[in-house]
Amino acid sequence: MPYVAREGGVPGTGAIIGRYARPQPGKAEEWLDATHADLQPTFAENQLAKLGQMSAEVTAFIYARYDQATQSSLGKFLVTAGNAGLTNRVAHISAAIDWVEDLLNYFYTCKAAILATTNQTELDAESWDFSTYDAAADPNTNADPLVTIESALAIAD
């Protein structure tokens, strides 16, 4: 595995445009070992894969605490509380919104660092750590303020 199809259809030349488990007569008859250099991801593909991994992790991290519906509801309650002059409720809800914003700022900083890499060694050295944004983190960090819809609505002023 795999048999490959190449741009231009000439074995050994051109970019690989298809990979198959079995030969495809007239299309993919060239077999390459899985370790062949032509089958290894490019640096740009590795960058995109790393960005995709980080994006999936930050999304899961946020949604585990504030899913889409909760974020939307808190946003609506923030506007309503602001219009009603409920300053303590606004401050409470704002803590969650600020937490998401801070986390996304960190994400985009990491993304910029990944995109700034120019080789695989630099790319491999890039990492991220969302744990300082966890509720169990040091309270002097950007720890999750644990805002819930119920806690927001319980604040009457």
C-alpha atoms as a PDB file:
ATOM      1  CA  MET A   1       0.000   0.000   0.000  1.00  0.00           C
ATOM      2  CA  PRO A   2      -0.421   2.303  -1.689  1.00  0.00           C
ATOM      3  CA  TYR A   3      -0.787   2.386  -5.394  1.00  0.00           C
ATOM      4  CA  VAL A   4      -0.625   5.976  -6.567  1.00  0.00           C
ATOM      5  CA  ALA A   5      -1.974   8.056  -9.407  1.00  0.00           C
ATOM      6  CA  ARG A   6       0.164  10.976 -10.479  1.00  0.00           C
ATOM      7  CA  GLU A   7      -0.552  14.234 -12.181  1.00  0.00           C
ATOM      8  CA  GLY A   8       0.139  13.687 -15.877  1.00  0.00           C
ATOM      9  CA  GLY A   9      -0.228   9.920 -15.477  1.00  0.00           C
ATOM     10  CA  VAL A  10       3.503   9.162 -15.758  1.00  0.00           C
ATOM     11  CA  PRO A  11       4.865   6.879 -12.997  1.00  0.00           C
ATOM     12  CA  GLY A  12       7.683   8.441 -10.979  1.00  0.00           C
ATOM     13  CA  THR A  13       6.923  12.005 -12.067  1.00  0.00           C
ATOM     14  CA  GLY A  14       4.323  14.584 -11.142  1.00  0.00           C
ATOM     15  CA  ALA A  15       2.464  15.184  -7.936  1.00  0.00           C
ATOM     16  CA  ILE A  16       0.513  12.336  -6.389  1.00  0.00           C
ATOM     17  CA  ILE A  17      -3.190  12.985  -6.871  1.00  0.00           C
ATOM     18  CA  GLY A  18      -4.614   9.705  -5.588  1.00  0.00           C
ATOM     19  CA  ARG A  19      -3.762   6.811  -3.276  1.00  0.00           C
ATOM     20  CA  TYR A  20      -5.352   3.375  -3.543  1.00  0.00           C
ATOM     21  CA  ALA A  21      -5.094   0.057  -1.718  1.00  0.00           C
ATOM     22  CA  ARG A  22      -5.307  -1.856  -5.009  1.00  0.00           C
ATOM     23  CA  PRO A  23      -4.015  -1.044  -8.486  1.00  0.00           C
ATOM     24  CA  GLN A  24      -6.336   0.996 -10.674  1.00  0.00           C
ATOM     25  CA  PRO A  25      -5.656  -0.159 -14.239  1.00  0.00           C
ATOM     26  CA  GLY A  26      -4.667   2.732 -16.446  1.00  0.00           C
ATOM     27  CA  LYS A  27      -4.791   5.151 -13.555  1.00  0.00           C
ATOM     28  CA  ALA A  28      -2.810   3.997 -10.496  1.00  0.00           C
ATOM     29  CA  GLU A  29      -0.419   1.165 -11.243  1.00  0.00           C
ATOM     30  CA  GLU A  30       2.682   2.559  -9.529  1.00  0.00           C
ATOM     31  CA  TRP A  31       3.210   1.046  -6.074  1.00  0.00           C
ATOM     32  CA  LEU A  32       5.130   2.986  -3.407  1.00  0.00           C
ATOM     33  CA  ASP A  33       6.205   1.855   0.016  1.00  0.00           C
ATOM     34  CA  ALA A  34       4.404   3.811   2.754  1.00  0.00           C
ATOM     35  CA  THR A  35       7.752   5.330   3.785  1.00  0.00           C
ATOM     36  CA  HIS A  36       8.484   6.685   0.289  1.00  0.00           C
ATOM     37  CA  ALA A  37       9.345  10.396   0.349  1.00  0.00           C
ATOM     38  CA  ASP A  38       6.577  11.216  -2.149  1.00  0.00           C
ATOM     39  CA  LEU A  39       3.992   9.929   0.347  1.00  0.00           C
ATOM     40  CA  GLN A  40       5.203  11.962   3.313  1.00  0.00           C
ATOM     41  CA  PRO A  41       3.274  15.119   4.190  1.00  0.00           C
ATOM     42  CA  THR A  42       4.794  18.423   3.189  1.00  0.00           C
ATOM     43  CA  PHE A  43       5.763  21.045   5.738  1.00  0.00           C
ATOM     44  CA  ALA A  44       2.678  23.075   4.760  1.00  0.00           C
ATOM     45  CA  GLU A  45       0.461  20.005   5.283  1.00  0.00           C
ATOM     46  CA  ASN A  46       2.061  19.463   8.694  1.00  0.00           C
ATOM     47  CA  GLN A  47       1.389  23.095   9.619  1.00  0.00           C
ATOM     48  CA  LEU A  48      -2.262  22.740   8.612  1.00  0.00           C
ATOM     49  CA  ALA A  49      -2.564  19.484  10.548  1.00  0.00           C
ATOM     50  CA  LYS A  50      -1.118  21.092  13.677  1.00  0.00           C
ATOM     51  CA  LEU A  51      -3.451  24.079  13.312  1.00  0.00           C
ATOM     52  CA  GLY A  52      -6.386  21.709  12.849  1.00  0.00           C
ATOM     53  CA  GLN A  53      -5.435  19.791  15.982  1.00  0.00           C
ATOM     54  CA  MET A  54      -5.119  22.958  18.035  1.00  0.00           C
ATOM     55  CA  SER A  55      -8.401  24.326  16.672  1.00  0.00           C
ATOM     56  CA  ALA A  56     -10.221  21.112  17.546  1.00  0.00           C
ATOM     57  CA  GLU A  57      -8.714  21.143  21.044  1.00  0.00           C
ATOM     58  CA  VAL A  58      -9.623  24.762  21.805  1.00  0.00           C
ATOM     59  CA  THR A  59     -13.151  24.250  20.495  1.00  0.00           C
ATOM     60  CA  ALA A  60     -13.608  21.144  22.643  1.00  0.00           C
ATOM     61  CA  PHE A  61     -12.082  22.936  25.641  1.00  0.00           C
ATOM     62  CA  ILE A  62     -14.480  25.882  25.336  1.00  0.00           C
ATOM     63  CA  TYR A  63     -17.563  23.838  24.493  1.00  0.00           C
ATOM     64  CA  ALA A  64     -16.977  21.499  27.438  1.00  0.00           C
ATOM     65  CA  ARG A  65     -17.526  24.531  29.652  1.00  0.00           C
ATOM     66  CA  TYR A  66     -19.684  26.882  27.563  1.00  0.00           C
ATOM     67  CA  ASP A  67     -21.377  25.161  24.655  1.00  0.00           C
ATOM     68  CA  GLN A  68     -22.853  27.131  21.766  1.00  0.00           C
ATOM     69  CA  ALA A  69     -26.314  27.405  23.358  1.00  0.00           C
ATOM     70  CA  THR A  70     -24.896  28.540  26.689  1.00  0.00           C
ATOM     71  CA  GLN A  71     -22.697  31.152  25.029  1.00  0.00           C
ATOM     72  CA  SER A  72     -25.661  32.449  23.048  1.00  0.00           C
ATOM     73  CA  SER A  73     -27.898  32.549  26.113  1.00  0.00           C
ATOM     74  CA  LEU A  74     -25.287  34.318  28.217  1.00  0.00           C
ATOM     75  CA  GLY A  75     -24.819  36.879  25.440  1.00  0.00           C
ATOM     76  CA  LYS A  76     -28.558  37.554  25.372  1.00  0.00           C
ATOM     77  CA  PHE A  77     -28.733  37.765  29.173  1.00  0.00           C
ATOM     78  CA  LEU A  78     -25.785  40.171  29.162  1.00  0.00           C
ATOM     79  CA  VAL A  79     -27.604  42.580  26.857  1.00  0.00           C
ATOM     80  CA  THR A  80     -30.831  42.273  28.823  1.00  0.00           C
ATOM     81  CA  ALA A  81     -29.028  42.818  32.144  1.00  0.00           C
ATOM     82  CA  GLY A  82     -27.163  45.800  30.740  1.00  0.00           C
ATOM     83  CA  ASN A  83     -30.388  47.374  29.506  1.00  0.00           C
ATOM     84  CA  ALA A  84     -31.980  46.788  32.917  1.00  0.00           C
ATOM     85  CA  GLY A  85     -29.002  48.264  34.783  1.00  0.00           C
ATOM     86  CA  LEU A  86     -28.169  45.012  36.588  1.00  0.00           C
ATOM     87  CA  THR A  87     -24.473  45.779  37.042  1.00  0.00           C
ATOM     88  CA  ASN A  88     -23.614  42.751  39.187  1.00  0.00           C
ATOM     89  CA  ARG A  89     -25.276  40.362  36.727  1.00  0.00           C
ATOM     90  CA  VAL A  90     -23.432  42.078  33.872  1.00  0.00           C
ATOM     91  CA  ALA A  91     -20.119  41.685  35.721  1.00  0.00           C
ATOM     92  CA  HIS A  92     -20.817  38.017  36.442  1.00  0.00           C
ATOM     93  CA  ILE A  93     -21.721  37.159  32.832  1.00  0.00           C
ATOM     94  CA  SER A  94     -18.888  39.301  31.479  1.00  0.00           C
ATOM     95  CA  ALA A  95     -16.410  37.109  33.363  1.00  0.00           C
ATOM     96  CA  ALA A  96     -17.358  34.133  31.178  1.00  0.00           C
ATOM     97  CA  ILE A  97     -17.251  36.171  27.981  1.00  0.00           C
ATOM     98  CA  ASP A  98     -13.880  37.624  28.966  1.00  0.00           C
ATOM     99  CA  TRP A  99     -12.617  34.101  29.691  1.00  0.00           C
ATOM    100  CA  VAL A 100     -13.564  32.914  26.197  1.00  0.00           C
ATOM    101  CA  GLU A 101     -12.007  36.030  24.673  1.00  0.00           C
ATOM    102  CA  ASP A 102      -8.765  35.553  26.632  1.00  0.00           C
ATOM    103  CA  LEU A 103      -8.603  31.918  25.607  1.00  0.00           C
ATOM    104  CA  LEU A 104      -9.173  32.804  21.949  1.00  0.00           C
ATOM    105  CA  ASN A 105      -6.475  35.489  22.136  1.00  0.00           C
ATOM    106  CA  TYR A 106      -4.091  32.815  23.403  1.00  0.00           C
ATOM    107  CA  PHE A 107      -5.219  30.477  20.600  1.00  0.00           C
ATOM    108  CA  TYR A 108      -4.554  33.125  17.935  1.00  0.00           C
ATOM    109  CA  THR A 109      -1.147  33.888  19.439  1.00  0.00           C
ATOM    110  CA  CYS A 110      -0.262  30.189  19.188  1.00  0.00           C
ATOM    111  CA  LYS A 111      -1.676  30.054  15.655  1.00  0.00           C
ATOM    112  CA  ALA A 112       0.521  32.974  14.589  1.00  0.00           C
ATOM    113  CA  ALA A 113       3.574  31.248  16.071  1.00  0.00           C
ATOM    114  CA  ILE A 114       2.779  28.050  14.151  1.00  0.00           C
ATOM    115  CA  LEU A 115       2.290  29.961  10.905  1.00  0.00           C
ATOM    116  CA  ALA A 116       5.584  31.786  11.479  1.00  0.00           C
ATOM    117  CA  THR A 117       7.560  28.543  11.537  1.00  0.00           C
ATOM    118  CA  THR A 118       9.726  27.936   8.502  1.00  0.00           C
ATOM    119  CA  ASN A 119      10.788  24.322   8.987  1.00  0.00           C
ATOM    120  CA  GLN A 120       9.707  21.092  10.645  1.00  0.00           C
ATOM    121  CA  THR A 121      12.014  21.485  13.658  1.00  0.00           C
ATOM    122  CA  GLU A 122      10.485  24.868  14.499  1.00  0.00           C
ATOM    123  CA  LEU A 123       6.995  23.483  13.933  1.00  0.00           C
ATOM    124  CA  ASP A 124       7.644  20.501  16.198  1.00  0.00           C
ATOM    125  CA  ALA A 125       8.786  22.878  18.950  1.00  0.00           C
ATOM    126  CA  GLU A 126       5.483  24.796  18.943  1.00  0.00           C
ATOM    127  CA  SER A 127       2.937  23.741  21.561  1.00  0.00           C
ATOM    128  CA  TRP A 128       0.018  25.069  23.548  1.00  0.00           C
ATOM    129  CA  ASP A 129      -1.396  24.519  27.000  1.00  0.00           C
ATOM    130  CA  PHE A 130      -4.980  25.411  27.802  1.00  0.00           C
ATOM    131  CA  SER A 131      -4.739  24.109  31.384  1.00  0.00           C
ATOM    132  CA  THR A 132      -4.201  27.590  32.851  1.00  0.00           C
ATOM    133  CA  TYR A 133      -7.728  28.352  31.633  1.00  0.00           C
ATOM    134  CA  ASP A 134      -9.252  25.452  33.572  1.00  0.00           C
ATOM    135  CA  ALA A 135     -11.379  26.136  36.637  1.00  0.00           C
ATOM    136  CA  ALA A 136      -8.941  24.139  38.766  1.00  0.00           C
ATOM    137  CA  ALA A 137      -6.063  26.379  37.715  1.00  0.00           C
ATOM    138  CA  ASP A 138      -4.389  28.927  39.938  1.00  0.00           C
ATOM    139  CA  PRO A 139      -7.002  31.647  40.564  1.00  0.00           C
ATOM    140  CA  ASN A 140      -4.362  34.246  39.674  1.00  0.00           C
ATOM    141  CA  THR A 141      -4.382  32.958  36.104  1.00  0.00           C
ATOM    142  CA  ASN A 142      -7.135  33.078  33.497  1.00  0.00           C
ATOM    143  CA  ALA A 143      -9.086  30.319  35.233  1.00  0.00           C
ATOM    144  CA  ASP A 144     -12.639  29.569  34.110  1.00  0.00           C
ATOM    145  CA  PRO A 145     -14.998  31.694  36.240  1.00  0.00           C
ATOM    146  CA  LEU A 146     -17.592  28.886  36.252  1.00  0.00           C
ATOM    147  CA  VAL A 147     -20.490  31.071  35.158  1.00  0.00           C
ATOM    148  CA  THR A 148     -23.726  29.197  34.563  1.00  0.00           C
ATOM    149  CA  ILE A 149     -27.070  30.370  33.281  1.00  0.00           C
ATOM    150  CA  GLU A 150     -28.516  29.586  36.694  1.00  0.00           C
ATOM    151  CA  SER A 151     -25.837  31.561  38.550  1.00  0.00           C
ATOM    152  CA  ALA A 152     -26.327  34.513  36.206  1.00  0.00           C
ATOM    153  CA  LEU A 153     -30.104  34.556  36.607  1.00  0.00           C
ATOM    154  CA  ALA A 154     -29.802  34.272  40.392  1.00  0.00           C
ATOM    155  CA  ILE A 155     -28.152  37.703  40.525  1.00  0.00           C
ATOM    156  CA  ALA A 156     -30.933  40.256  40.833  1.00  0.00           C
ATOM    157  CA  ASP A 157     -28.905  43.463  40.762  1.00  0.00           C
END
